Amino acid sequence: MDIGPGIIEKLRRISFDLKRINHILITHLHLDHVADLLPFLKIASLLKRRIKIYGPIGIGKWLDLMITDRRIFGYLSDLGCRELVEVHELWDSSLRLDDITIRAKPVEHFNGIAFRIELGDTSITYSGDTLPDRRLIELAIGSKILIHECSFPAGMLKGKHTSSEDIIKIALEVKPRILILVHLYPEMEKNLPAVLAQLSKTLGIKVYAPRDLEIIEI
């Protein structure tokens, strides 16, 4: 889910075989969520691997521009990247991938969507970037794991994002067993220990703000 800058290198560090990746879910087209997508597709073309990409409305046009327009990265088309990519545009959608159910809902962040993934009795909702959004809450209710952006501490919110004060209200409605905070701006990282302590105390659940390469056992 999302493939921002540095993802390929981090996967290499943990000896993860890129050939195992067949599906990529994209919440929106901002650079910090797609920066490694084109390098990944170049690798896939060299490995002759077909990739299915699921993202918001417009991602197909964006990929065509990136891969086939000679003024940008058109040489990727010469490598066969576009022919190896199967694009699925989602909005208020659901689909089935083998034993996995994926649901998508639009959220308030520059043509963004959130995802809910269900496999057996495990359910994970990933917000992507968003303001507090009723559609996201309704999608997430009952999820065992909520991965939600928490960009800024209370009182310091900027842009279409979620604050630590907002996340309390959201988690109280969703009632996840595990809350994972992502998309932390520097202002948030400075205040992170206090925010995590407050969230754990208020919500009474496990709350994580994972660092790169950290593994969370569920």
N, C-alpha and C. Protein backbone atom coordinates (compact mmCIF):
# COMPACT_ATOMS: atom_id res chain seq x y z
N MET A 1 0.85 -1.19 0.00
CA MET A 1 0.00 0.00 0.00
C MET A 1 0.89 1.24 0.00
N ASP A 2 0.87 1.96 -1.13
CA ASP A 2 1.73 3.11 -1.41
C ASP A 2 3.18 2.67 -1.54
N ILE A 3 3.92 3.41 -2.34
CA ILE A 3 5.30 3.03 -2.64
C ILE A 3 6.12 4.30 -2.78
N GLY A 4 6.34 4.95 -1.63
CA GLY A 4 7.04 6.22 -1.58
C GLY A 4 8.54 6.08 -1.71
N PRO A 5 9.27 7.19 -1.51
CA PRO A 5 10.72 7.18 -1.72
C PRO A 5 11.44 6.27 -0.74
N GLY A 6 12.36 5.48 -1.27
CA GLY A 6 13.18 4.62 -0.44
C GLY A 6 12.64 3.23 -0.20
N ILE A 7 11.44 2.93 -0.67
CA ILE A 7 10.82 1.63 -0.40
C ILE A 7 11.64 0.48 -0.99
N ILE A 8 12.10 0.65 -2.22
CA ILE A 8 12.85 -0.44 -2.87
C ILE A 8 14.11 -0.75 -2.08
N GLU A 9 14.83 0.27 -1.65
CA GLU A 9 16.06 0.06 -0.88
C GLU A 9 15.75 -0.60 0.47
N LYS A 10 14.66 -0.21 1.11
CA LYS A 10 14.32 -0.82 2.40
C LYS A 10 13.94 -2.29 2.23
N LEU A 11 13.26 -2.61 1.14
CA LEU A 11 12.94 -4.01 0.88
C LEU A 11 14.23 -4.80 0.63
N ARG A 12 15.18 -4.17 -0.05
CA ARG A 12 16.46 -4.84 -0.29
C ARG A 12 17.18 -5.13 1.03
N ARG A 13 17.09 -4.18 1.96
CA ARG A 13 17.78 -4.35 3.25
C ARG A 13 17.26 -5.54 4.04
N ILE A 14 15.98 -5.84 3.88
CA ILE A 14 15.42 -6.98 4.61
C ILE A 14 15.37 -8.23 3.73
N SER A 15 16.09 -8.19 2.60
CA SER A 15 16.20 -9.33 1.68
C SER A 15 14.84 -9.79 1.16
N PHE A 16 13.95 -8.84 0.92
CA PHE A 16 12.64 -9.17 0.37
C PHE A 16 12.73 -9.29 -1.14
N ASP A 17 12.23 -10.37 -1.68
CA ASP A 17 12.29 -10.64 -3.11
C ASP A 17 11.20 -9.82 -3.83
N LEU A 18 11.60 -8.86 -4.65
CA LEU A 18 10.63 -8.01 -5.35
C LEU A 18 9.72 -8.81 -6.27
N LYS A 19 10.14 -9.99 -6.69
CA LYS A 19 9.29 -10.81 -7.56
C LYS A 19 8.04 -11.29 -6.84
N ARG A 20 8.01 -11.18 -5.51
CA ARG A 20 6.83 -11.59 -4.76
C ARG A 20 5.71 -10.55 -4.84
N ILE A 21 6.02 -9.36 -5.31
CA ILE A 21 5.02 -8.28 -5.37
C ILE A 21 4.30 -8.33 -6.72
N ASN A 22 3.01 -8.57 -6.66
CA ASN A 22 2.19 -8.62 -7.88
C ASN A 22 1.13 -7.53 -7.92
N HIS A 23 0.80 -6.97 -6.74
CA HIS A 23 -0.26 -5.97 -6.64
C HIS A 23 0.25 -4.78 -5.82
N ILE A 24 -0.04 -3.58 -6.28
CA ILE A 24 0.32 -2.37 -5.56
C ILE A 24 -0.92 -1.50 -5.43
N LEU A 25 -1.20 -1.06 -4.21
CA LEU A 25 -2.34 -0.19 -3.93
C LEU A 25 -1.83 1.23 -3.68
N ILE A 26 -2.37 2.19 -4.39
CA ILE A 26 -1.95 3.59 -4.28
C ILE A 26 -3.12 4.42 -3.77
N THR A 27 -2.89 5.21 -2.72
CA THR A 27 -3.99 6.03 -2.17
C THR A 27 -4.15 7.35 -2.92
N HIS A 28 -3.04 7.96 -3.34
CA HIS A 28 -3.11 9.20 -4.12
C HIS A 28 -1.76 9.44 -4.77
N LEU A 29 -1.69 10.45 -5.61
CA LEU A 29 -0.55 10.59 -6.51
C LEU A 29 0.47 11.62 -6.05
N HIS A 30 0.52 11.93 -4.77
CA HIS A 30 1.57 12.82 -4.28
C HIS A 30 2.90 12.07 -4.22
N LEU A 31 3.99 12.84 -4.37
CA LEU A 31 5.30 12.26 -4.54
C LEU A 31 5.70 11.31 -3.42
N ASP A 32 5.35 11.66 -2.18
CA ASP A 32 5.77 10.82 -1.05
C ASP A 32 5.02 9.50 -0.98
N HIS A 33 4.08 9.29 -1.91
CA HIS A 33 3.33 8.03 -1.94
C HIS A 33 3.57 7.22 -3.22
N VAL A 34 4.25 7.84 -4.21
CA VAL A 34 4.46 7.13 -5.49
C VAL A 34 5.89 7.22 -6.02
N ALA A 35 6.81 7.83 -5.27
CA ALA A 35 8.13 8.13 -5.82
C ALA A 35 8.89 6.90 -6.31
N ASP A 36 8.67 5.75 -5.67
CA ASP A 36 9.39 4.53 -6.09
C ASP A 36 8.58 3.66 -7.05
N LEU A 37 7.42 4.14 -7.48
CA LEU A 37 6.61 3.31 -8.38
C LEU A 37 7.28 3.14 -9.74
N LEU A 38 7.76 4.22 -10.33
CA LEU A 38 8.38 4.10 -11.64
C LEU A 38 9.68 3.29 -11.59
N PRO A 39 10.56 3.50 -10.60
CA PRO A 39 11.72 2.61 -10.49
C PRO A 39 11.31 1.15 -10.32
N PHE A 40 10.24 0.91 -9.57
CA PHE A 40 9.78 -0.48 -9.39
C PHE A 40 9.31 -1.06 -10.72
N LEU A 41 8.59 -0.26 -11.49
CA LEU A 41 8.09 -0.76 -12.78
C LEU A 41 9.24 -1.03 -13.74
N LYS A 42 10.31 -0.24 -13.65
CA LYS A 42 11.48 -0.51 -14.48
C LYS A 42 12.09 -1.86 -14.10
N ILE A 43 12.20 -2.11 -12.80
CA ILE A 43 12.72 -3.41 -12.34
C ILE A 43 11.80 -4.54 -12.83
N ALA A 44 10.49 -4.32 -12.71
CA ALA A 44 9.52 -5.34 -13.14
C ALA A 44 9.68 -5.64 -14.63
N SER A 45 9.96 -4.60 -15.42
CA SER A 45 10.13 -4.83 -16.86
C SER A 45 11.37 -5.67 -17.14
N LEU A 46 12.43 -5.45 -16.38
CA LEU A 46 13.64 -6.23 -16.57
C LEU A 46 13.45 -7.68 -16.13
N LEU A 47 12.55 -7.86 -15.14
CA LEU A 47 12.25 -9.21 -14.65
C LEU A 47 11.10 -9.86 -15.42
N LYS A 48 10.50 -9.08 -16.33
CA LYS A 48 9.34 -9.56 -17.11
C LYS A 48 8.19 -9.96 -16.19
N ARG A 49 7.94 -9.12 -15.17
CA ARG A 49 6.88 -9.39 -14.20
C ARG A 49 5.68 -8.50 -14.49
N ARG A 50 4.49 -9.09 -14.51
CA ARG A 50 3.26 -8.31 -14.68
C ARG A 50 2.83 -7.77 -13.31
N ILE A 51 2.39 -6.53 -13.28
CA ILE A 51 2.01 -5.87 -12.04
C ILE A 51 0.60 -5.30 -12.18
N LYS A 52 -0.22 -5.52 -11.17
CA LYS A 52 -1.55 -4.90 -11.12
C LYS A 52 -1.50 -3.74 -10.14
N ILE A 53 -1.94 -2.58 -10.60
CA ILE A 53 -1.93 -1.38 -9.79
C ILE A 53 -3.35 -0.91 -9.57
N TYR A 54 -3.68 -0.64 -8.31
CA TYR A 54 -5.01 -0.18 -7.93
C TYR A 54 -4.87 1.21 -7.31
N GLY A 55 -5.61 2.16 -7.83
CA GLY A 55 -5.48 3.52 -7.30
C GLY A 55 -6.69 4.36 -7.64
N PRO A 56 -6.64 5.64 -7.30
CA PRO A 56 -7.80 6.50 -7.51
C PRO A 56 -8.04 6.81 -8.97
N ILE A 57 -9.19 7.35 -9.25
CA ILE A 57 -9.51 7.77 -10.62
C ILE A 57 -8.45 8.75 -11.11
N GLY A 58 -7.93 8.49 -12.29
CA GLY A 58 -6.89 9.33 -12.87
C GLY A 58 -5.52 8.69 -12.85
N ILE A 59 -5.34 7.59 -12.11
CA ILE A 59 -4.01 6.99 -12.03
C ILE A 59 -3.60 6.38 -13.37
N GLY A 60 -4.57 5.92 -14.16
CA GLY A 60 -4.24 5.37 -15.47
C GLY A 60 -3.68 6.45 -16.40
N LYS A 61 -4.31 7.60 -16.41
CA LYS A 61 -3.84 8.72 -17.24
C LYS A 61 -2.46 9.19 -16.77
N TRP A 62 -2.27 9.23 -15.45
CA TRP A 62 -0.98 9.64 -14.88
C TRP A 62 0.13 8.67 -15.30
N LEU A 63 -0.14 7.37 -15.22
CA LEU A 63 0.85 6.38 -15.62
C LEU A 63 1.18 6.48 -17.10
N ASP A 64 0.15 6.68 -17.92
CA ASP A 64 0.39 6.84 -19.35
C ASP A 64 1.31 8.03 -19.60
N LEU A 65 1.08 9.13 -18.87
CA LEU A 65 1.90 10.31 -19.04
C LEU A 65 3.35 10.03 -18.62
N MET A 66 3.52 9.39 -17.49
CA MET A 66 4.86 9.12 -16.97
C MET A 66 5.65 8.15 -17.86
N ILE A 67 4.95 7.16 -18.39
CA ILE A 67 5.65 6.08 -19.08
C ILE A 67 5.74 6.30 -20.58
N THR A 68 4.74 6.90 -21.18
CA THR A 68 4.71 6.95 -22.65
C THR A 68 5.05 8.31 -23.23
N ASP A 69 4.95 9.38 -22.45
CA ASP A 69 5.26 10.71 -22.97
C ASP A 69 6.78 10.84 -23.10
N ARG A 70 7.28 11.08 -24.31
CA ARG A 70 8.72 11.12 -24.55
C ARG A 70 9.40 12.26 -23.82
N ARG A 71 8.64 13.28 -23.40
CA ARG A 71 9.24 14.42 -22.70
C ARG A 71 9.56 14.09 -21.25
N ILE A 72 9.04 12.97 -20.73
CA ILE A 72 9.25 12.65 -19.32
C ILE A 72 10.06 11.37 -19.23
N PHE A 73 9.41 10.22 -19.02
CA PHE A 73 10.14 8.95 -18.90
C PHE A 73 9.68 7.97 -19.99
N GLY A 74 9.56 8.47 -21.19
CA GLY A 74 9.05 7.64 -22.27
C GLY A 74 9.90 6.42 -22.56
N TYR A 75 11.18 6.46 -22.20
CA TYR A 75 12.03 5.29 -22.44
C TYR A 75 11.54 4.07 -21.68
N LEU A 76 10.75 4.31 -20.61
CA LEU A 76 10.18 3.18 -19.89
C LEU A 76 9.22 2.38 -20.78
N SER A 77 8.59 3.08 -21.71
CA SER A 77 7.72 2.39 -22.65
C SER A 77 8.52 1.47 -23.56
N ASP A 78 9.74 1.91 -23.93
CA ASP A 78 10.61 1.06 -24.76
C ASP A 78 10.98 -0.22 -24.04
N LEU A 79 11.00 -0.17 -22.70
CA LEU A 79 11.31 -1.35 -21.90
C LEU A 79 10.09 -2.26 -21.71
N GLY A 80 8.94 -1.80 -22.20
CA GLY A 80 7.73 -2.61 -22.09
C GLY A 80 6.98 -2.44 -20.80
N CYS A 81 7.28 -1.36 -20.07
CA CYS A 81 6.63 -1.17 -18.77
C CYS A 81 5.11 -1.08 -18.89
N ARG A 82 4.64 -0.32 -19.87
CA ARG A 82 3.18 -0.10 -19.94
C ARG A 82 2.44 -1.39 -20.23
N GLU A 83 3.05 -2.25 -21.05
CA GLU A 83 2.38 -3.51 -21.39
C GLU A 83 2.32 -4.47 -20.21
N LEU A 84 3.22 -4.28 -19.25
CA LEU A 84 3.26 -5.17 -18.09
C LEU A 84 2.36 -4.71 -16.96
N VAL A 85 1.80 -3.51 -17.08
CA VAL A 85 1.00 -2.93 -16.01
C VAL A 85 -0.48 -3.03 -16.33
N GLU A 86 -1.23 -3.58 -15.38
CA GLU A 86 -2.69 -3.62 -15.48
C GLU A 86 -3.25 -2.66 -14.43
N VAL A 87 -3.92 -1.61 -14.88
CA VAL A 87 -4.36 -0.54 -13.98
C VAL A 87 -5.86 -0.68 -13.68
N HIS A 88 -6.18 -0.58 -12.40
CA HIS A 88 -7.58 -0.60 -11.95
C HIS A 88 -7.86 0.68 -11.17
N GLU A 89 -8.76 1.51 -11.67
CA GLU A 89 -9.11 2.74 -10.98
C GLU A 89 -10.28 2.49 -10.04
N LEU A 90 -10.10 2.90 -8.80
CA LEU A 90 -11.10 2.67 -7.76
C LEU A 90 -11.58 4.01 -7.21
N TRP A 91 -12.76 3.99 -6.64
CA TRP A 91 -13.28 5.17 -5.96
C TRP A 91 -14.12 4.70 -4.78
N ASP A 92 -15.38 4.48 -5.02
CA ASP A 92 -16.23 3.84 -4.01
C ASP A 92 -16.43 2.42 -4.51
N SER A 93 -15.46 1.56 -4.22
CA SER A 93 -15.34 0.29 -4.93
C SER A 93 -15.02 -0.86 -3.99
N SER A 94 -15.26 -2.07 -4.47
CA SER A 94 -14.81 -3.27 -3.76
C SER A 94 -14.43 -4.32 -4.80
N LEU A 95 -13.46 -5.16 -4.44
CA LEU A 95 -13.04 -6.21 -5.34
C LEU A 95 -12.48 -7.37 -4.53
N ARG A 96 -12.31 -8.49 -5.19
CA ARG A 96 -11.83 -9.71 -4.55
C ARG A 96 -10.56 -10.15 -5.25
N LEU A 97 -9.50 -10.37 -4.48
CA LEU A 97 -8.24 -10.91 -4.99
C LEU A 97 -7.96 -12.21 -4.25
N ASP A 98 -8.28 -13.32 -4.90
CA ASP A 98 -8.14 -14.63 -4.25
C ASP A 98 -8.93 -14.62 -2.93
N ASP A 99 -8.25 -14.76 -1.78
CA ASP A 99 -8.94 -14.79 -0.50
C ASP A 99 -9.01 -13.42 0.16
N ILE A 100 -8.57 -12.39 -0.53
CA ILE A 100 -8.52 -11.05 0.04
C ILE A 100 -9.64 -10.19 -0.54
N THR A 101 -10.36 -9.50 0.34
CA THR A 101 -11.35 -8.51 -0.09
C THR A 101 -10.78 -7.13 0.11
N ILE A 102 -10.87 -6.29 -0.91
CA ILE A 102 -10.38 -4.92 -0.84
C ILE A 102 -11.54 -3.97 -1.09
N ARG A 103 -11.70 -3.02 -0.18
CA ARG A 103 -12.71 -1.98 -0.36
C ARG A 103 -12.02 -0.63 -0.37
N ALA A 104 -12.51 0.26 -1.20
CA ALA A 104 -11.93 1.61 -1.30
C ALA A 104 -13.03 2.64 -1.13
N LYS A 105 -12.66 3.75 -0.49
CA LYS A 105 -13.57 4.88 -0.32
C LYS A 105 -12.80 6.17 -0.56
N PRO A 106 -13.44 7.16 -1.19
CA PRO A 106 -12.76 8.46 -1.35
C PRO A 106 -12.62 9.15 -0.01
N VAL A 107 -11.53 9.90 0.15
CA VAL A 107 -11.31 10.70 1.35
C VAL A 107 -10.90 12.11 0.94
N GLU A 108 -10.93 13.01 1.90
CA GLU A 108 -10.70 14.43 1.62
C GLU A 108 -9.21 14.74 1.58
N HIS A 109 -8.59 14.43 0.44
CA HIS A 109 -7.18 14.76 0.26
C HIS A 109 -6.80 14.63 -1.20
N PHE A 110 -7.09 15.63 -1.99
CA PHE A 110 -6.58 15.74 -3.35
C PHE A 110 -6.77 14.45 -4.16
N ASN A 111 -8.03 14.08 -4.34
CA ASN A 111 -8.38 12.90 -5.13
C ASN A 111 -7.84 11.61 -4.51
N GLY A 112 -7.85 11.55 -3.18
CA GLY A 112 -7.32 10.38 -2.49
C GLY A 112 -8.38 9.35 -2.16
N ILE A 113 -7.93 8.13 -1.91
CA ILE A 113 -8.81 7.06 -1.45
C ILE A 113 -8.16 6.35 -0.26
N ALA A 114 -9.00 5.73 0.54
CA ALA A 114 -8.55 4.87 1.64
C ALA A 114 -8.87 3.43 1.28
N PHE A 115 -8.15 2.50 1.90
CA PHE A 115 -8.36 1.08 1.63
C PHE A 115 -8.71 0.32 2.91
N ARG A 116 -9.58 -0.65 2.77
CA ARG A 116 -9.80 -1.65 3.81
C ARG A 116 -9.52 -3.01 3.20
N ILE A 117 -8.68 -3.79 3.88
CA ILE A 117 -8.29 -5.12 3.40
C ILE A 117 -8.75 -6.15 4.41
N GLU A 118 -9.41 -7.18 3.94
CA GLU A 118 -9.89 -8.25 4.82
C GLU A 118 -9.37 -9.59 4.34
N LEU A 119 -8.78 -10.33 5.25
CA LEU A 119 -8.28 -11.67 4.97
C LEU A 119 -8.59 -12.53 6.18
N GLY A 120 -9.51 -13.48 6.01
CA GLY A 120 -9.94 -14.29 7.15
C GLY A 120 -10.56 -13.40 8.21
N ASP A 121 -10.08 -13.53 9.45
CA ASP A 121 -10.64 -12.71 10.52
C ASP A 121 -9.80 -11.47 10.82
N THR A 122 -8.88 -11.14 9.90
CA THR A 122 -8.06 -9.95 10.06
C THR A 122 -8.53 -8.86 9.10
N SER A 123 -8.69 -7.67 9.62
CA SER A 123 -9.10 -6.53 8.79
C SER A 123 -8.21 -5.34 9.09
N ILE A 124 -7.73 -4.71 8.03
CA ILE A 124 -6.83 -3.57 8.14
C ILE A 124 -7.39 -2.43 7.31
N THR A 125 -7.51 -1.25 7.92
CA THR A 125 -7.90 -0.07 7.17
C THR A 125 -6.73 0.90 7.14
N TYR A 126 -6.41 1.40 5.95
CA TYR A 126 -5.31 2.34 5.75
C TYR A 126 -5.89 3.63 5.19
N SER A 127 -5.68 4.72 5.89
CA SER A 127 -6.32 5.99 5.54
C SER A 127 -5.69 6.68 4.34
N GLY A 128 -4.40 6.40 4.06
CA GLY A 128 -3.68 7.31 3.18
C GLY A 128 -3.61 8.67 3.86
N ASP A 129 -3.57 9.74 3.09
CA ASP A 129 -3.60 11.09 3.65
C ASP A 129 -5.02 11.62 3.60
N THR A 130 -5.46 12.27 4.67
CA THR A 130 -6.83 12.76 4.69
C THR A 130 -7.09 13.67 5.87
N LEU A 131 -8.02 14.58 5.68
CA LEU A 131 -8.67 15.23 6.80
C LEU A 131 -9.53 14.18 7.51
N PRO A 132 -9.93 14.41 8.75
CA PRO A 132 -10.93 13.52 9.35
C PRO A 132 -12.14 13.43 8.41
N ASP A 133 -12.53 12.21 8.07
CA ASP A 133 -13.54 12.03 7.02
C ASP A 133 -14.52 10.95 7.44
N ARG A 134 -15.79 11.30 7.42
CA ARG A 134 -16.84 10.36 7.82
C ARG A 134 -16.81 9.10 6.96
N ARG A 135 -16.48 9.23 5.69
CA ARG A 135 -16.44 8.06 4.81
C ARG A 135 -15.36 7.08 5.25
N LEU A 136 -14.23 7.62 5.68
CA LEU A 136 -13.15 6.78 6.18
C LEU A 136 -13.57 6.07 7.45
N ILE A 137 -14.21 6.78 8.35
CA ILE A 137 -14.65 6.18 9.61
C ILE A 137 -15.62 5.03 9.34
N GLU A 138 -16.57 5.25 8.46
CA GLU A 138 -17.55 4.21 8.14
C GLU A 138 -16.88 3.01 7.50
N LEU A 139 -15.87 3.25 6.67
CA LEU A 139 -15.11 2.15 6.05
C LEU A 139 -14.36 1.36 7.11
N ALA A 140 -13.84 2.06 8.12
CA ALA A 140 -12.91 1.44 9.08
C ALA A 140 -13.59 0.78 10.26
N ILE A 141 -14.83 1.12 10.55
CA ILE A 141 -15.48 0.60 11.76
C ILE A 141 -15.40 -0.93 11.79
N GLY A 142 -14.91 -1.43 12.91
CA GLY A 142 -14.77 -2.88 13.08
C GLY A 142 -13.43 -3.43 12.64
N SER A 143 -12.57 -2.59 12.05
CA SER A 143 -11.24 -3.05 11.65
C SER A 143 -10.41 -3.39 12.89
N LYS A 144 -9.69 -4.49 12.81
CA LYS A 144 -8.80 -4.83 13.93
C LYS A 144 -7.60 -3.90 13.98
N ILE A 145 -7.14 -3.49 12.80
CA ILE A 145 -5.97 -2.63 12.72
C ILE A 145 -6.33 -1.38 11.91
N LEU A 146 -6.05 -0.22 12.49
CA LEU A 146 -6.26 1.04 11.78
C LEU A 146 -4.91 1.70 11.59
N ILE A 147 -4.50 1.84 10.33
CA ILE A 147 -3.29 2.57 9.97
C ILE A 147 -3.75 3.94 9.50
N HIS A 148 -3.47 4.95 10.28
CA HIS A 148 -4.04 6.28 9.98
C HIS A 148 -2.95 7.33 10.06
N GLU A 149 -2.99 8.25 9.12
CA GLU A 149 -2.07 9.37 9.19
C GLU A 149 -2.35 10.21 10.43
N CYS A 150 -1.27 10.75 11.01
CA CYS A 150 -1.37 11.64 12.16
C CYS A 150 -0.24 12.65 12.01
N SER A 151 -0.45 13.59 11.11
CA SER A 151 0.64 14.42 10.63
C SER A 151 1.15 15.43 11.64
N PHE A 152 0.25 15.97 12.46
CA PHE A 152 0.62 17.08 13.33
C PHE A 152 0.04 16.91 14.72
N PRO A 153 0.70 17.49 15.73
CA PRO A 153 0.11 17.54 17.07
C PRO A 153 -1.12 18.45 17.08
N ALA A 154 -1.94 18.32 18.09
CA ALA A 154 -3.12 19.18 18.23
C ALA A 154 -2.68 20.64 18.25
N GLY A 155 -3.42 21.48 17.54
CA GLY A 155 -3.14 22.90 17.51
C GLY A 155 -2.10 23.32 16.49
N MET A 156 -1.51 22.37 15.76
CA MET A 156 -0.47 22.70 14.78
C MET A 156 -0.82 22.20 13.38
N LEU A 157 -2.06 21.82 13.17
CA LEU A 157 -2.48 21.19 11.92
C LEU A 157 -2.30 22.12 10.73
N LYS A 158 -1.77 21.57 9.63
CA LYS A 158 -1.63 22.27 8.37
C LYS A 158 -2.16 21.39 7.25
N GLY A 159 -2.78 22.01 6.25
CA GLY A 159 -3.20 21.27 5.07
C GLY A 159 -4.32 20.27 5.35
N LYS A 160 -4.54 19.40 4.38
CA LYS A 160 -5.62 18.40 4.48
C LYS A 160 -5.09 17.15 5.17
N HIS A 161 -4.87 17.26 6.46
CA HIS A 161 -4.29 16.18 7.23
C HIS A 161 -5.05 15.99 8.54
N THR A 162 -4.55 15.10 9.38
CA THR A 162 -5.20 14.73 10.64
C THR A 162 -4.25 15.02 11.80
N SER A 163 -4.79 15.57 12.88
CA SER A 163 -4.00 15.89 14.06
C SER A 163 -4.14 14.80 15.11
N SER A 164 -3.31 14.88 16.15
CA SER A 164 -3.40 13.91 17.25
C SER A 164 -4.72 14.04 17.98
N GLU A 165 -5.29 15.22 18.01
CA GLU A 165 -6.61 15.40 18.63
C GLU A 165 -7.69 14.73 17.78
N ASP A 166 -7.57 14.88 16.47
CA ASP A 166 -8.53 14.25 15.56
C ASP A 166 -8.49 12.73 15.67
N ILE A 167 -7.27 12.18 15.78
CA ILE A 167 -7.13 10.72 15.74
C ILE A 167 -7.80 10.08 16.95
N ILE A 168 -7.85 10.77 18.06
CA ILE A 168 -8.56 10.24 19.24
C ILE A 168 -10.03 10.07 18.92
N LYS A 169 -10.64 11.09 18.33
CA LYS A 169 -12.06 11.03 17.99
C LYS A 169 -12.34 9.91 16.98
N ILE A 170 -11.44 9.79 16.01
CA ILE A 170 -11.61 8.75 14.98
C ILE A 170 -11.51 7.36 15.60
N ALA A 171 -10.48 7.13 16.41
CA ALA A 171 -10.26 5.80 16.99
C ALA A 171 -11.38 5.42 17.96
N LEU A 172 -11.95 6.38 18.66
CA LEU A 172 -13.05 6.09 19.57
C LEU A 172 -14.28 5.57 18.81
N GLU A 173 -14.44 6.01 17.58
CA GLU A 173 -15.55 5.52 16.75
C GLU A 173 -15.22 4.19 16.09
N VAL A 174 -14.02 4.09 15.56
CA VAL A 174 -13.64 2.88 14.82
C VAL A 174 -13.43 1.70 15.76
N LYS A 175 -12.84 1.97 16.93
CA LYS A 175 -12.56 0.93 17.94
C LYS A 175 -11.63 -0.18 17.42
N PRO A 176 -10.47 0.18 16.88
CA PRO A 176 -9.53 -0.87 16.46
C PRO A 176 -8.85 -1.48 17.67
N ARG A 177 -8.26 -2.66 17.48
CA ARG A 177 -7.44 -3.25 18.53
C ARG A 177 -6.04 -2.66 18.52
N ILE A 178 -5.58 -2.30 17.32
CA ILE A 178 -4.25 -1.72 17.16
C ILE A 178 -4.37 -0.46 16.30
N LEU A 179 -3.74 0.61 16.76
CA LEU A 179 -3.70 1.86 16.00
C LEU A 179 -2.25 2.13 15.61
N ILE A 180 -2.02 2.32 14.32
CA ILE A 180 -0.68 2.59 13.81
C ILE A 180 -0.67 3.97 13.17
N LEU A 181 0.19 4.83 13.69
CA LEU A 181 0.27 6.21 13.21
C LEU A 181 1.35 6.31 12.13
N VAL A 182 1.02 6.96 11.02
CA VAL A 182 1.97 7.14 9.93
C VAL A 182 1.90 8.57 9.44
N HIS A 183 2.83 8.91 8.53
CA HIS A 183 2.85 10.23 7.89
C HIS A 183 3.07 11.33 8.92
N LEU A 184 4.12 11.17 9.71
CA LEU A 184 4.42 12.12 10.78
C LEU A 184 5.34 13.23 10.28
N TYR A 185 4.89 14.46 10.43
CA TYR A 185 5.72 15.60 10.08
C TYR A 185 6.71 15.87 11.22
N PRO A 186 7.77 16.66 10.97
CA PRO A 186 8.76 16.92 12.03
C PRO A 186 8.14 17.45 13.32
N GLU A 187 7.11 18.30 13.22
CA GLU A 187 6.47 18.81 14.42
C GLU A 187 5.86 17.68 15.24
N MET A 188 5.37 16.67 14.55
CA MET A 188 4.77 15.53 15.23
C MET A 188 5.85 14.65 15.87
N GLU A 189 6.94 14.45 15.18
CA GLU A 189 8.01 13.60 15.70
C GLU A 189 8.60 14.17 16.98
N LYS A 190 8.69 15.50 17.06
CA LYS A 190 9.21 16.13 18.27
C LYS A 190 8.33 15.87 19.48
N ASN A 191 7.03 15.74 19.24
CA ASN A 191 6.07 15.56 20.33
C ASN A 191 5.58 14.13 20.47
N LEU A 192 6.22 13.20 19.74
CA LEU A 192 5.70 11.85 19.62
C LEU A 192 5.58 11.11 20.94
N PRO A 193 6.58 11.11 21.83
CA PRO A 193 6.42 10.35 23.08
C PRO A 193 5.20 10.78 23.89
N ALA A 194 4.98 12.08 23.98
CA ALA A 194 3.82 12.58 24.73
C ALA A 194 2.51 12.19 24.04
N VAL A 195 2.50 12.28 22.71
CA VAL A 195 1.28 11.93 21.96
C VAL A 195 0.96 10.44 22.12
N LEU A 196 1.96 9.58 21.99
CA LEU A 196 1.73 8.13 22.14
C LEU A 196 1.22 7.80 23.54
N ALA A 197 1.78 8.44 24.55
CA ALA A 197 1.33 8.20 25.92
C ALA A 197 -0.12 8.63 26.10
N GLN A 198 -0.47 9.78 25.53
CA GLN A 198 -1.84 10.27 25.63
C GLN A 198 -2.81 9.34 24.92
N LEU A 199 -2.45 8.91 23.72
CA LEU A 199 -3.34 8.05 22.95
C LEU A 199 -3.54 6.70 23.65
N SER A 200 -2.47 6.12 24.13
CA SER A 200 -2.57 4.82 24.82
C SER A 200 -3.46 4.93 26.04
N LYS A 201 -3.29 5.99 26.79
CA LYS A 201 -4.08 6.17 28.01
C LYS A 201 -5.55 6.43 27.70
N THR A 202 -5.80 7.27 26.71
CA THR A 202 -7.18 7.64 26.38
C THR A 202 -7.93 6.50 25.71
N LEU A 203 -7.26 5.79 24.81
CA LEU A 203 -7.93 4.77 24.00
C LEU A 203 -7.88 3.38 24.61
N GLY A 204 -6.88 3.11 25.43
CA GLY A 204 -6.75 1.80 26.06
C GLY A 204 -6.44 0.68 25.08
N ILE A 205 -5.71 1.01 24.00
CA ILE A 205 -5.34 0.01 22.99
C ILE A 205 -3.86 0.16 22.69
N LYS A 206 -3.34 -0.77 21.89
CA LYS A 206 -1.94 -0.67 21.47
C LYS A 206 -1.82 0.40 20.38
N VAL A 207 -0.89 1.31 20.58
CA VAL A 207 -0.66 2.39 19.63
C VAL A 207 0.81 2.39 19.23
N TYR A 208 1.07 2.39 17.94
CA TYR A 208 2.44 2.36 17.44
C TYR A 208 2.67 3.52 16.47
N ALA A 209 3.90 3.99 16.45
CA ALA A 209 4.37 4.90 15.40
C ALA A 209 5.66 4.27 14.87
N PRO A 210 5.55 3.29 13.99
CA PRO A 210 6.71 2.48 13.60
C PRO A 210 7.76 3.28 12.84
N ARG A 211 9.01 2.86 13.04
CA ARG A 211 10.13 3.41 12.28
C ARG A 211 10.45 2.48 11.12
N ASP A 212 11.26 2.96 10.20
CA ASP A 212 11.64 2.16 9.03
C ASP A 212 12.19 0.80 9.47
N LEU A 213 11.74 -0.24 8.78
CA LEU A 213 12.17 -1.62 8.94
C LEU A 213 11.63 -2.27 10.21
N GLU A 214 10.85 -1.56 11.00
CA GLU A 214 10.28 -2.15 12.21
C GLU A 214 9.15 -3.11 11.84
N ILE A 215 9.06 -4.21 12.55
CA ILE A 215 8.02 -5.22 12.31
C ILE A 215 7.05 -5.21 13.48
N ILE A 216 5.76 -5.15 13.19
CA ILE A 216 4.72 -5.19 14.22
C ILE A 216 4.02 -6.54 14.12
N GLU A 217 4.13 -7.34 15.14
CA GLU A 217 3.48 -8.66 15.17
C GLU A 217 2.01 -8.49 15.56
N ILE A 218 1.12 -9.09 14.78
CA ILE A 218 -0.30 -9.00 15.09
C ILE A 218 -0.89 -10.39 15.34
